[in-house]
PDB file of N, CA and C in Angstrom:
ATOM      1  N   MET A   1     -15.390  -2.323  -8.999  1.00  0.00           N
ATOM      2  CA  MET A   1     -14.559  -2.750  -7.882  1.00  0.00           C
ATOM      3  C   MET A   1     -14.873  -1.863  -6.682  1.00  0.00           C
ATOM      4  N   LYS A   2     -15.169  -2.484  -5.579  1.00  0.00           N
ATOM      5  CA  LYS A   2     -15.486  -1.725  -4.383  1.00  0.00           C
ATOM      6  C   LYS A   2     -14.297  -1.550  -3.450  1.00  0.00           C
ATOM      7  N   GLU A   3     -13.366  -2.511  -3.490  1.00  0.00           N
ATOM      8  CA  GLU A   3     -12.251  -2.496  -2.549  1.00  0.00           C
ATOM      9  C   GLU A   3     -10.950  -2.861  -3.239  1.00  0.00           C
ATOM     10  N   ILE A   4      -9.862  -2.391  -2.662  1.00  0.00           N
ATOM     11  CA  ILE A   4      -8.538  -2.788  -3.106  1.00  0.00           C
ATOM     12  C   ILE A   4      -7.703  -3.023  -1.851  1.00  0.00           C
ATOM     13  N   VAL A   5      -6.864  -4.055  -1.892  1.00  0.00           N
ATOM     14  CA  VAL A   5      -6.049  -4.436  -0.742  1.00  0.00           C
ATOM     15  C   VAL A   5      -4.585  -4.222  -1.083  1.00  0.00           C
ATOM     16  N   PHE A   6      -3.858  -3.624  -0.140  1.00  0.00           N
ATOM     17  CA  PHE A   6      -2.420  -3.446  -0.272  1.00  0.00           C
ATOM     18  C   PHE A   6      -1.709  -4.200   0.837  1.00  0.00           C
ATOM     19  N   ILE A   7      -0.629  -4.898   0.484  1.00  0.00           N
ATOM     20  CA  ILE A   7       0.266  -5.509   1.455  1.00  0.00           C
ATOM     21  C   ILE A   7       1.350  -4.468   1.737  1.00  0.00           C
ATOM     22  N   VAL A   8       1.518  -4.105   2.990  1.00  0.00           N
ATOM     23  CA  VAL A   8       2.484  -3.079   3.391  1.00  0.00           C
ATOM     24  C   VAL A   8       3.585  -3.736   4.206  1.00  0.00           C
ATOM     25  N   GLU A   9       4.824  -3.448   3.826  1.00  0.00           N
ATOM     26  CA  GLU A   9       5.980  -3.990   4.540  1.00  0.00           C
ATOM     27  C   GLU A   9       6.920  -2.862   4.909  1.00  0.00           C
ATOM     28  N   GLU A  10       7.593  -3.023   6.047  1.00  0.00           N
ATOM     29  CA  GLU A  10       8.627  -2.064   6.413  1.00  0.00           C
ATOM     30  C   GLU A  10       9.838  -2.298   5.513  1.00  0.00           C
ATOM     31  N   SER A  11      10.402  -1.227   4.990  1.00  0.00           N
ATOM     32  CA  SER A  11      11.572  -1.320   4.133  1.00  0.00           C
ATOM     33  C   SER A  11      12.826  -1.459   4.985  1.00  0.00           C
ATOM     34  N   GLN A  12      13.805  -2.196   4.500  1.00  0.00           N
ATOM     35  CA  GLN A  12      15.073  -2.336   5.220  1.00  0.00           C
ATOM     36  C   GLN A  12      15.815  -1.013   5.296  1.00  0.00           C
ATOM     37  N   ASP A  13      15.555  -0.123   4.346  1.00  0.00           N
ATOM     38  CA  ASP A  13      16.208   1.183   4.301  1.00  0.00           C
ATOM     39  C   ASP A  13      15.429   2.241   5.076  1.00  0.00           C
ATOM     40  N   GLY A  14      14.350   1.842   5.725  1.00  0.00           N
ATOM     41  CA  GLY A  14      13.476   2.777   6.427  1.00  0.00           C
ATOM     42  C   GLY A  14      12.250   3.069   5.585  1.00  0.00           C
ATOM     43  N   GLY A  15      11.178   3.451   6.211  1.00  0.00           N
ATOM     44  CA  GLY A  15       9.945   3.728   5.495  1.00  0.00           C
ATOM     45  C   GLY A  15       9.149   2.465   5.236  1.00  0.00           C
ATOM     46  N   TYR A  16       8.219   2.579   4.302  1.00  0.00           N
ATOM     47  CA  TYR A  16       7.287   1.493   4.010  1.00  0.00           C
ATOM     48  C   TYR A  16       7.130   1.301   2.506  1.00  0.00           C
ATOM     49  N   PHE A  17       6.831   0.075   2.111  1.00  0.00           N
ATOM     50  CA  PHE A  17       6.629  -0.312   0.726  1.00  0.00           C
ATOM     51  C   PHE A  17       5.266  -0.980   0.635  1.00  0.00           C
ATOM     52  N   ALA A  18       4.463  -0.607  -0.358  1.00  0.00           N
ATOM     53  CA  ALA A  18       3.126  -1.192  -0.500  1.00  0.00           C
ATOM     54  C   ALA A  18       2.926  -1.713  -1.912  1.00  0.00           C
ATOM     55  N   ARG A  19       2.277  -2.885  -2.014  1.00  0.00           N
ATOM     56  CA  ARG A  19       1.919  -3.434  -3.324  1.00  0.00           C
ATOM     57  C   ARG A  19       0.479  -3.912  -3.262  1.00  0.00           C
ATOM     58  N   ALA A  20      -0.248  -3.633  -4.321  1.00  0.00           N
ATOM     59  CA  ALA A  20      -1.657  -4.009  -4.377  1.00  0.00           C
ATOM     60  C   ALA A  20      -1.790  -5.492  -4.698  1.00  0.00           C
ATOM     61  N   VAL A  21      -2.809  -6.106  -4.142  1.00  0.00           N
ATOM     62  CA  VAL A  21      -3.141  -7.489  -4.447  1.00  0.00           C
ATOM     63  C   VAL A  21      -4.025  -7.473  -5.693  1.00  0.00           C
ATOM     64  N   ASN A  22      -3.664  -8.249  -6.689  1.00  0.00           N
ATOM     65  CA  ASN A  22      -4.411  -8.388  -7.949  1.00  0.00           C
ATOM     66  C   ASN A  22      -4.425  -7.134  -8.820  1.00  0.00           C
ATOM     67  N   GLN A  23      -3.552  -6.190  -8.573  1.00  0.00           N
ATOM     68  CA  GLN A  23      -3.403  -5.004  -9.417  1.00  0.00           C
ATOM     69  C   GLN A  23      -1.910  -4.693  -9.517  1.00  0.00           C
ATOM     70  N   SER A  24      -1.504  -4.032 -10.575  1.00  0.00           N
ATOM     71  CA  SER A  24      -0.086  -3.697 -10.739  1.00  0.00           C
ATOM     72  C   SER A  24       0.179  -2.289 -10.210  1.00  0.00           C
ATOM     73  N   ILE A  25       0.017  -2.131  -8.895  1.00  0.00           N
ATOM     74  CA  ILE A  25       0.259  -0.847  -8.240  1.00  0.00           C
ATOM     75  C   ILE A  25       1.262  -1.076  -7.118  1.00  0.00           C
ATOM     76  N   VAL A  26       2.353  -0.324  -7.132  1.00  0.00           N
ATOM     77  CA  VAL A  26       3.339  -0.350  -6.052  1.00  0.00           C
ATOM     78  C   VAL A  26       3.710   1.090  -5.725  1.00  0.00           C
ATOM     79  N   THR A  27       4.010   1.354  -4.464  1.00  0.00           N
ATOM     80  CA  THR A  27       4.430   2.686  -4.043  1.00  0.00           C
ATOM     81  C   THR A  27       5.138   2.581  -2.709  1.00  0.00           C
ATOM     82  N   GLN A  28       5.710   3.698  -2.268  1.00  0.00           N
ATOM     83  CA  GLN A  28       6.414   3.697  -0.988  1.00  0.00           C
ATOM     84  C   GLN A  28       6.296   5.059  -0.329  1.00  0.00           C
ATOM     85  N   GLY A  29       6.589   5.104   0.988  1.00  0.00           N
ATOM     86  CA  GLY A  29       6.569   6.342   1.742  1.00  0.00           C
ATOM     87  C   GLY A  29       7.415   6.212   2.985  1.00  0.00           C
ATOM     88  N   GLU A  30       7.868   7.337   3.497  1.00  0.00           N
ATOM     89  CA  GLU A  30       8.705   7.336   4.694  1.00  0.00           C
ATOM     90  C   GLU A  30       7.910   7.034   5.957  1.00  0.00           C
ATOM     91  N   THR A  31       6.647   7.450   6.002  1.00  0.00           N
ATOM     92  CA  THR A  31       5.780   7.207   7.155  1.00  0.00           C
ATOM     93  C   THR A  31       4.486   6.561   6.659  1.00  0.00           C
ATOM     94  N   ILE A  32       3.706   6.014   7.577  1.00  0.00           N
ATOM     95  CA  ILE A  32       2.415   5.436   7.197  1.00  0.00           C
ATOM     96  C   ILE A  32       1.516   6.522   6.608  1.00  0.00           C
ATOM     97  N   GLU A  33       1.545   7.721   7.181  1.00  0.00           N
ATOM     98  CA  GLU A  33       0.713   8.814   6.673  1.00  0.00           C
ATOM     99  C   GLU A  33       1.102   9.174   5.237  1.00  0.00           C
ATOM    100  N   GLU A  34       2.410   9.274   4.977  1.00  0.00           N
ATOM    101  CA  GLU A  34       2.876   9.562   3.624  1.00  0.00           C
ATOM    102  C   GLU A  34       2.521   8.414   2.682  1.00  0.00           C
ATOM    103  N   LEU A  35       2.639   7.185   3.166  1.00  0.00           N
ATOM    104  CA  LEU A  35       2.294   6.022   2.354  1.00  0.00           C
ATOM    105  C   LEU A  35       0.820   6.054   1.958  1.00  0.00           C
ATOM    106  N   ARG A  36      -0.065   6.401   2.883  1.00  0.00           N
ATOM    107  CA  ARG A  36      -1.495   6.509   2.559  1.00  0.00           C
ATOM    108  C   ARG A  36      -1.722   7.513   1.437  1.00  0.00           C
ATOM    109  N   SER A  37      -1.049   8.643   1.519  1.00  0.00           N
ATOM    110  CA  SER A  37      -1.175   9.669   0.478  1.00  0.00           C
ATOM    111  C   SER A  37      -0.664   9.151  -0.867  1.00  0.00           C
ATOM    112  N   MET A  38       0.459   8.460  -0.848  1.00  0.00           N
ATOM    113  CA  MET A  38       1.032   7.909  -2.079  1.00  0.00           C
ATOM    114  C   MET A  38       0.124   6.833  -2.669  1.00  0.00           C
ATOM    115  N   ILE A  39      -0.475   6.008  -1.820  1.00  0.00           N
ATOM    116  CA  ILE A  39      -1.413   4.985  -2.285  1.00  0.00           C
ATOM    117  C   ILE A  39      -2.626   5.642  -2.925  1.00  0.00           C
ATOM    118  N   SER A  40      -3.173   6.665  -2.281  1.00  0.00           N
ATOM    119  CA  SER A  40      -4.328   7.379  -2.843  1.00  0.00           C
ATOM    120  C   SER A  40      -4.015   7.920  -4.232  1.00  0.00           C
ATOM    121  N   ASP A  41      -2.861   8.556  -4.373  1.00  0.00           N
ATOM    122  CA  ASP A  41      -2.462   9.086  -5.682  1.00  0.00           C
ATOM    123  C   ASP A  41      -2.315   7.975  -6.717  1.00  0.00           C
ATOM    124  N   ALA A  42      -1.673   6.880  -6.314  1.00  0.00           N
ATOM    125  CA  ALA A  42      -1.446   5.771  -7.245  1.00  0.00           C
ATOM    126  C   ALA A  42      -2.761   5.135  -7.687  1.00  0.00           C
ATOM    127  N   VAL A  43      -3.696   4.958  -6.755  1.00  0.00           N
ATOM    128  CA  VAL A  43      -4.991   4.359  -7.096  1.00  0.00           C
ATOM    129  C   VAL A  43      -5.764   5.284  -8.042  1.00  0.00           C
ATOM    130  N   ARG A  44      -5.748   6.582  -7.755  1.00  0.00           N
ATOM    131  CA  ARG A  44      -6.454   7.534  -8.624  1.00  0.00           C
ATOM    132  C   ARG A  44      -5.872   7.549 -10.042  1.00  0.00           C
ATOM    133  N   CYS A  45      -4.564   7.371 -10.157  1.00  0.00           N
ATOM    134  CA  CYS A  45      -3.927   7.338 -11.481  1.00  0.00           C
ATOM    135  C   CYS A  45      -4.190   6.024 -12.217  1.00  0.00           C
ATOM    136  N   HIS A  46      -4.384   4.959 -11.478  1.00  0.00           N
ATOM    137  CA  HIS A  46      -4.510   3.623 -12.067  1.00  0.00           C
ATOM    138  C   HIS A  46      -5.911   3.341 -12.620  1.00  0.00           C
ATOM    139  N   PHE A  47      -6.940   3.867 -11.980  1.00  0.00           N
ATOM    140  CA  PHE A  47      -8.318   3.546 -12.353  1.00  0.00           C
ATOM    141  C   PHE A  47      -9.026   4.732 -12.986  1.00  0.00           C
ATOM    142  N   VAL A  48      -9.938   4.433 -13.902  1.00  0.00           N
ATOM    143  CA  VAL A  48     -10.847   5.466 -14.406  1.00  0.00           C
ATOM    144  C   VAL A  48     -11.937   5.656 -13.356  1.00  0.00           C
ATOM    145  N   GLU A  49     -12.619   6.775 -13.405  1.00  0.00           N
ATOM    146  CA  GLU A  49     -13.600   7.137 -12.378  1.00  0.00           C
ATOM    147  C   GLU A  49     -14.648   6.052 -12.128  1.00  0.00           C
ATOM    148  N   GLU A  50     -15.130   5.420 -13.180  1.00  0.00           N
ATOM    149  CA  GLU A  50     -16.192   4.411 -13.043  1.00  0.00           C
ATOM    150  C   GLU A  50     -15.709   3.151 -12.320  1.00  0.00           C
ATOM    151  N   GLU A  51     -14.417   2.882 -12.352  1.00  0.00           N
ATOM    152  CA  GLU A  51     -13.870   1.667 -11.742  1.00  0.00           C
ATOM    153  C   GLU A  51     -13.146   1.931 -10.422  1.00  0.00           C
ATOM    154  N   MET A  52     -13.156   3.173  -9.956  1.00  0.00           N
ATOM    155  CA  MET A  52     -12.430   3.554  -8.747  1.00  0.00           C
ATOM    156  C   MET A  52     -12.959   2.799  -7.522  1.00  0.00           C
ATOM    157  N   PRO A  53     -12.065   2.133  -6.765  1.00  0.00           N
ATOM    158  CA  PRO A  53     -12.508   1.447  -5.555  1.00  0.00           C
ATOM    159  C   PRO A  53     -12.991   2.453  -4.508  1.00  0.00           C
ATOM    160  N   MET A  54     -13.951   2.037  -3.702  1.00  0.00           N
ATOM    161  CA  MET A  54     -14.464   2.898  -2.643  1.00  0.00           C
ATOM    162  C   MET A  54     -13.609   2.792  -1.380  1.00  0.00           C
ATOM    163  N   TYR A  55     -13.031   1.619  -1.151  1.00  0.00           N
ATOM    164  CA  TYR A  55     -12.270   1.371   0.065  1.00  0.00           C
ATOM    165  C   TYR A  55     -10.879   0.853  -0.258  1.00  0.00           C
ATOM    166  N   VAL A  56      -9.902   1.279   0.543  1.00  0.00           N
ATOM    167  CA  VAL A  56      -8.537   0.779   0.453  1.00  0.00           C
ATOM    168  C   VAL A  56      -8.222   0.109   1.784  1.00  0.00           C
ATOM    169  N   HIS A  57      -7.813  -1.151   1.720  1.00  0.00           N
ATOM    170  CA  HIS A  57      -7.422  -1.895   2.914  1.00  0.00           C
ATOM    171  C   HIS A  57      -5.898  -2.028   2.929  1.00  0.00           C
ATOM    172  N   LEU A  58      -5.293  -1.733   4.066  1.00  0.00           N
ATOM    173  CA  LEU A  58      -3.855  -1.904   4.223  1.00  0.00           C
ATOM    174  C   LEU A  58      -3.611  -3.077   5.162  1.00  0.00           C
ATOM    175  N   HIS A  59      -2.911  -4.070   4.667  1.00  0.00           N
ATOM    176  CA  HIS A  59      -2.521  -5.224   5.486  1.00  0.00           C
ATOM    177  C   HIS A  59      -1.043  -5.021   5.807  1.00  0.00           C
ATOM    178  N   VAL A  60      -0.758  -4.530   7.013  1.00  0.00           N
ATOM    179  CA  VAL A  60       0.607  -4.187   7.399  1.00  0.00           C
ATOM    180  C   VAL A  60       1.284  -5.402   8.007  1.00  0.00           C
ATOM    181  N   THR A  61       2.423  -5.781   7.419  1.00  0.00           N
ATOM    182  CA  THR A  61       3.189  -6.916   7.927  1.00  0.00           C
ATOM    183  C   THR A  61       4.526  -6.422   8.484  1.00  0.00           C
ATOM    184  N   ARG A  62       5.054  -7.156   9.412  1.00  0.00           N
ATOM    185  CA  ARG A  62       6.323  -6.773  10.007  1.00  0.00           C
ATOM    186  C   ARG A  62       7.091  -8.038  10.335  1.00  0.00           C
ATOM    187  N   GLU A  63       8.326  -8.077   9.924  1.00  0.00           N
ATOM    188  CA  GLU A  63       9.171  -9.222  10.237  1.00  0.00           C
ATOM    189  C   GLU A  63      10.054  -8.867  11.421  1.00  0.00           C
ATOM    190  N   GLU A  64      10.152  -9.799  12.338  1.00  0.00           N
ATOM    191  CA  GLU A  64      10.978  -9.566  13.528  1.00  0.00           C
ATOM    192  C   GLU A  64      11.768 -10.825  13.818  1.00  0.00           C
ATOM    193  N   THR A  65      13.049 -10.663  14.113  1.00  0.00           N
ATOM    194  CA  THR A  65      13.930 -11.779  14.447  1.00  0.00           C
ATOM    195  C   THR A  65      14.530 -11.529  15.812  1.00  0.00           C
ATOM    196  N   PHE A  66      14.576 -12.557  16.632  1.00  0.00           N
ATOM    197  CA  PHE A  66      15.208 -12.431  17.935  1.00  0.00           C
ATOM    198  C   PHE A  66      15.901 -13.732  18.282  1.00  0.00           C
ATOM    199  N   THR A  67      16.809 -13.666  19.237  1.00  0.00           N
ATOM    200  CA  THR A  67      17.537 -14.858  19.664  1.00  0.00           C
ATOM    201  C   THR A  67      16.949 -15.389  20.954  1.00  0.00           C
ATOM    202  N   LEU A  68      17.161 -16.660  21.178  1.00  0.00           N
ATOM    203  CA  LEU A  68      16.673 -17.304  22.409  1.00  0.00           C
ATOM    204  C   LEU A  68      17.791 -17.432  23.425  1.00  0.00           C
TER     205      LEU A  68
END
């Protein structure tokens, strides 16, 4: 595996929540920087060295509601 993709969402309680696409990896962090660190740790724990992805892609989504 060369790449892994995470969907990142802002948490209602503050911070960020990330889940991997096609892998059972989820994690969270208070800031994007902390989230990156948590994702790195989670990916390293999930894969053996031979299967470790080279790239991590973060797809950051944000929901916004407003009135007209």
